[in-house]
């Protein structure tokens, strides 16, 4: 009877060990995917910042061109 109980306990412990190994593997995969998502978000933020800087630069160029056009129109007495 004692041997039977010990075998049942050992069987349960092996099943628990197997489940824990599976959970560890799943956790590693989740961590790996999370790192990829975080890297993607960081890349998007960086690209968004670059895009905003590009738009600001274009806006500055547009303002300069408008100023030049205004000066030219004044010289030609068009305005």
N, C-alpha and C. Protein backbone atom coordinates (compact mmCIF):
# COMPACT_ATOMS: atom_id res chain seq x y z
N UNK A 1 0.83 -1.19 0.00
CA UNK A 1 0.00 0.00 0.00
C UNK A 1 0.87 1.25 0.00
N UNK A 2 1.92 1.25 0.82
CA UNK A 2 2.81 2.41 0.92
C UNK A 2 3.51 2.65 -0.42
N UNK A 3 3.93 1.56 -1.07
CA UNK A 3 4.59 1.70 -2.38
C UNK A 3 3.64 2.32 -3.40
N UNK A 4 2.38 1.92 -3.34
CA UNK A 4 1.38 2.44 -4.27
C UNK A 4 1.19 3.95 -4.06
N UNK A 5 1.14 4.36 -2.80
CA UNK A 5 0.96 5.78 -2.48
C UNK A 5 2.19 6.57 -2.93
N UNK A 6 3.39 6.00 -2.70
CA UNK A 6 4.61 6.67 -3.12
C UNK A 6 4.66 6.83 -4.64
N UNK A 7 4.23 5.81 -5.36
CA UNK A 7 4.19 5.87 -6.82
C UNK A 7 3.21 6.95 -7.29
N UNK A 8 2.06 7.05 -6.63
CA UNK A 8 1.09 8.08 -7.00
C UNK A 8 1.66 9.48 -6.75
N UNK A 9 2.34 9.64 -5.63
CA UNK A 9 2.94 10.94 -5.30
C UNK A 9 4.02 11.27 -6.32
N UNK A 10 4.87 10.32 -6.63
CA UNK A 10 5.93 10.54 -7.61
C UNK A 10 5.34 10.87 -8.99
N UNK A 11 4.28 10.19 -9.34
CA UNK A 11 3.62 10.45 -10.62
C UNK A 11 3.08 11.89 -10.66
N UNK A 12 2.47 12.32 -9.58
CA UNK A 12 1.95 13.69 -9.50
C UNK A 12 3.09 14.72 -9.55
N UNK A 13 4.17 14.42 -8.84
CA UNK A 13 5.32 15.33 -8.85
C UNK A 13 5.92 15.43 -10.25
N UNK A 14 5.99 14.32 -10.97
CA UNK A 14 6.49 14.36 -12.35
C UNK A 14 5.58 15.18 -13.25
N UNK A 15 4.28 15.04 -13.06
CA UNK A 15 3.32 15.83 -13.85
C UNK A 15 3.48 17.32 -13.54
N UNK A 16 3.65 17.63 -12.27
CA UNK A 16 3.85 19.04 -11.87
C UNK A 16 5.14 19.57 -12.48
N UNK A 17 6.20 18.79 -12.44
CA UNK A 17 7.48 19.19 -13.01
C UNK A 17 7.34 19.44 -14.51
N UNK A 18 6.61 18.58 -15.18
CA UNK A 18 6.37 18.75 -16.61
C UNK A 18 5.58 20.03 -16.90
N UNK A 19 4.56 20.28 -16.10
CA UNK A 19 3.75 21.49 -16.26
C UNK A 19 4.60 22.75 -16.03
N UNK A 20 5.46 22.70 -15.02
CA UNK A 20 6.32 23.84 -14.72
C UNK A 20 7.28 24.09 -15.88
N UNK A 21 7.84 23.04 -16.46
CA UNK A 21 8.73 23.18 -17.60
C UNK A 21 8.00 23.83 -18.78
N UNK A 22 6.77 23.42 -18.99
CA UNK A 22 5.95 24.00 -20.06
C UNK A 22 5.68 25.48 -19.80
N UNK A 23 5.38 25.82 -18.57
CA UNK A 23 5.12 27.23 -18.21
C UNK A 23 6.38 28.05 -18.40
N UNK A 24 7.54 27.51 -18.03
CA UNK A 24 8.80 28.23 -18.22
C UNK A 24 9.05 28.50 -19.69
N UNK A 25 8.80 27.50 -20.53
CA UNK A 25 9.00 27.67 -21.96
C UNK A 25 8.05 28.74 -22.52
N UNK A 26 6.81 28.70 -22.11
CA UNK A 26 5.83 29.71 -22.55
C UNK A 26 6.25 31.10 -22.08
N UNK A 27 6.74 31.19 -20.86
CA UNK A 27 7.18 32.48 -20.32
C UNK A 27 8.35 33.03 -21.12
N UNK A 28 9.28 32.19 -21.50
CA UNK A 28 10.42 32.62 -22.32
C UNK A 28 9.92 33.16 -23.66
N UNK A 29 8.98 32.45 -24.27
CA UNK A 29 8.43 32.90 -25.55
C UNK A 29 7.71 34.24 -25.41
N UNK A 30 6.95 34.39 -24.34
CA UNK A 30 6.23 35.65 -24.09
C UNK A 30 7.22 36.79 -23.89
N UNK A 31 8.27 36.56 -23.12
CA UNK A 31 9.28 37.59 -22.91
C UNK A 31 9.95 37.98 -24.22
N UNK A 32 10.26 36.98 -25.03
CA UNK A 32 10.89 37.24 -26.32
C UNK A 32 9.98 38.09 -27.21
N UNK A 33 8.71 37.74 -27.26
CA UNK A 33 7.76 38.52 -28.07
C UNK A 33 7.57 39.93 -27.51
N UNK A 34 7.56 40.05 -26.21
CA UNK A 34 7.42 41.37 -25.59
C UNK A 34 8.60 42.26 -25.94
N UNK A 35 9.80 41.69 -25.94
CA UNK A 35 10.99 42.45 -26.32
C UNK A 35 10.86 42.93 -27.76
N UNK A 36 10.35 42.07 -28.65
CA UNK A 36 10.16 42.46 -30.04
C UNK A 36 9.13 43.58 -30.16
N UNK A 37 8.05 43.50 -29.40
CA UNK A 37 7.02 44.55 -29.43
C UNK A 37 7.60 45.87 -28.92
N UNK A 38 8.34 45.81 -27.82
CA UNK A 38 8.95 47.03 -27.28
C UNK A 38 9.93 47.64 -28.27
N UNK A 39 10.70 46.82 -28.95
CA UNK A 39 11.63 47.32 -29.96
C UNK A 39 10.88 47.98 -31.11
N UNK A 40 9.78 47.36 -31.51
CA UNK A 40 8.97 47.94 -32.58
C UNK A 40 8.38 49.28 -32.19
N UNK A 41 7.90 49.39 -30.97
CA UNK A 41 7.34 50.65 -30.48
C UNK A 41 8.42 51.72 -30.43
N UNK A 42 9.61 51.35 -29.95
CA UNK A 42 10.71 52.32 -29.89
C UNK A 42 11.07 52.79 -31.30
N UNK A 43 11.06 51.89 -32.26
CA UNK A 43 11.35 52.25 -33.64
C UNK A 43 10.29 53.19 -34.19
N UNK A 44 9.04 52.91 -33.90
CA UNK A 44 7.95 53.79 -34.35
C UNK A 44 8.08 55.18 -33.74
N UNK A 45 8.42 55.24 -32.47
CA UNK A 45 8.59 56.54 -31.82
C UNK A 45 9.74 57.32 -32.45
N UNK A 46 10.81 56.62 -32.72
CA UNK A 46 11.98 57.26 -33.33
C UNK A 46 11.61 57.77 -34.73
N UNK A 47 10.92 56.93 -35.51
CA UNK A 47 10.50 57.34 -36.85
C UNK A 47 9.53 58.51 -36.78
N UNK A 48 8.62 58.49 -35.81
CA UNK A 48 7.68 59.59 -35.64
C UNK A 48 8.38 60.88 -35.30
N UNK A 49 9.40 60.81 -34.47
CA UNK A 49 10.18 61.99 -34.13
C UNK A 49 10.92 62.52 -35.34
N UNK A 50 11.48 61.61 -36.13
CA UNK A 50 12.17 62.04 -37.35
C UNK A 50 11.19 62.70 -38.31
N UNK A 51 10.00 62.14 -38.42
CA UNK A 51 8.98 62.69 -39.31
C UNK A 51 8.55 64.08 -38.85
N UNK A 52 8.36 64.24 -37.55
CA UNK A 52 7.97 65.56 -37.01
C UNK A 52 9.06 66.58 -37.27
N UNK A 53 10.30 66.18 -37.11
CA UNK A 53 11.41 67.10 -37.37
C UNK A 53 11.46 67.48 -38.85
N UNK A 54 11.18 66.51 -39.71
CA UNK A 54 11.17 66.78 -41.14
C UNK A 54 10.06 67.77 -41.51
N UNK A 55 8.89 67.59 -40.92
CA UNK A 55 7.77 68.50 -41.18
C UNK A 55 8.11 69.90 -40.68
N UNK A 56 8.70 69.99 -39.50
CA UNK A 56 9.08 71.30 -38.96
C UNK A 56 10.09 71.97 -39.88
N UNK A 57 11.03 71.21 -40.40
CA UNK A 57 12.03 71.76 -41.32
C UNK A 57 11.38 72.25 -42.60
N UNK A 58 10.44 71.48 -43.14
CA UNK A 58 9.73 71.89 -44.36
C UNK A 58 8.90 73.14 -44.10
N UNK A 59 8.29 73.22 -42.93
CA UNK A 59 7.51 74.40 -42.59
C UNK A 59 8.41 75.64 -42.53
N UNK A 60 9.58 75.49 -41.98
CA UNK A 60 10.54 76.59 -41.91
C UNK A 60 10.95 77.03 -43.32
N UNK A 61 11.20 76.07 -44.19
CA UNK A 61 11.56 76.39 -45.58
C UNK A 61 10.41 77.11 -46.27
N UNK A 62 9.19 76.66 -46.02
CA UNK A 62 8.01 77.28 -46.61
C UNK A 62 7.89 78.73 -46.16
N UNK A 63 8.10 78.98 -44.86
CA UNK A 63 8.06 80.34 -44.34
C UNK A 63 9.12 81.22 -44.99
N UNK A 64 10.32 80.69 -45.16
CA UNK A 64 11.39 81.44 -45.80
C UNK A 64 11.03 81.79 -47.25
N UNK A 65 10.46 80.81 -47.95
CA UNK A 65 10.06 81.06 -49.34
C UNK A 65 8.98 82.13 -49.40
N UNK A 66 8.04 82.08 -48.49
CA UNK A 66 6.99 83.11 -48.45
C UNK A 66 7.59 84.49 -48.21
N UNK A 67 8.55 84.58 -47.31
CA UNK A 67 9.22 85.85 -47.04
C UNK A 67 9.94 86.36 -48.29
N UNK A 68 10.62 85.46 -48.98
CA UNK A 68 11.33 85.86 -50.20
C UNK A 68 10.35 86.34 -51.26
N UNK A 69 9.25 85.61 -51.42
CA UNK A 69 8.24 86.01 -52.41
C UNK A 69 7.67 87.38 -52.06
N UNK A 70 7.41 87.61 -50.78
CA UNK A 70 6.90 88.92 -50.35
C UNK A 70 7.88 90.04 -50.69
N UNK A 71 9.18 89.81 -50.44
CA UNK A 71 10.18 90.82 -50.75
C UNK A 71 10.27 91.07 -52.25
N UNK A 72 10.22 90.01 -53.04
CA UNK A 72 10.28 90.16 -54.50
C UNK A 72 9.07 90.94 -55.00
N UNK A 73 7.88 90.60 -54.47
CA UNK A 73 6.67 91.33 -54.88
C UNK A 73 6.77 92.81 -54.52
N UNK A 74 7.32 93.10 -53.38
CA UNK A 74 7.49 94.51 -52.98
C UNK A 74 8.45 95.23 -53.91
N UNK A 75 9.55 94.56 -54.26
CA UNK A 75 10.52 95.19 -55.17
C UNK A 75 9.91 95.46 -56.54
N UNK A 76 9.07 94.50 -56.97
CA UNK A 76 8.44 94.65 -58.28
C UNK A 76 7.15 95.47 -58.19
N UNK A 77 6.84 95.87 -56.99
CA UNK A 77 5.63 96.65 -56.72
C UNK A 77 4.37 95.93 -57.20
N UNK A 78 4.32 94.64 -56.89
CA UNK A 78 3.17 93.82 -57.26
C UNK A 78 2.14 93.74 -56.14
N UNK A 79 2.54 94.06 -54.94
CA UNK A 79 1.58 93.93 -53.85
C UNK A 79 1.09 95.27 -53.38
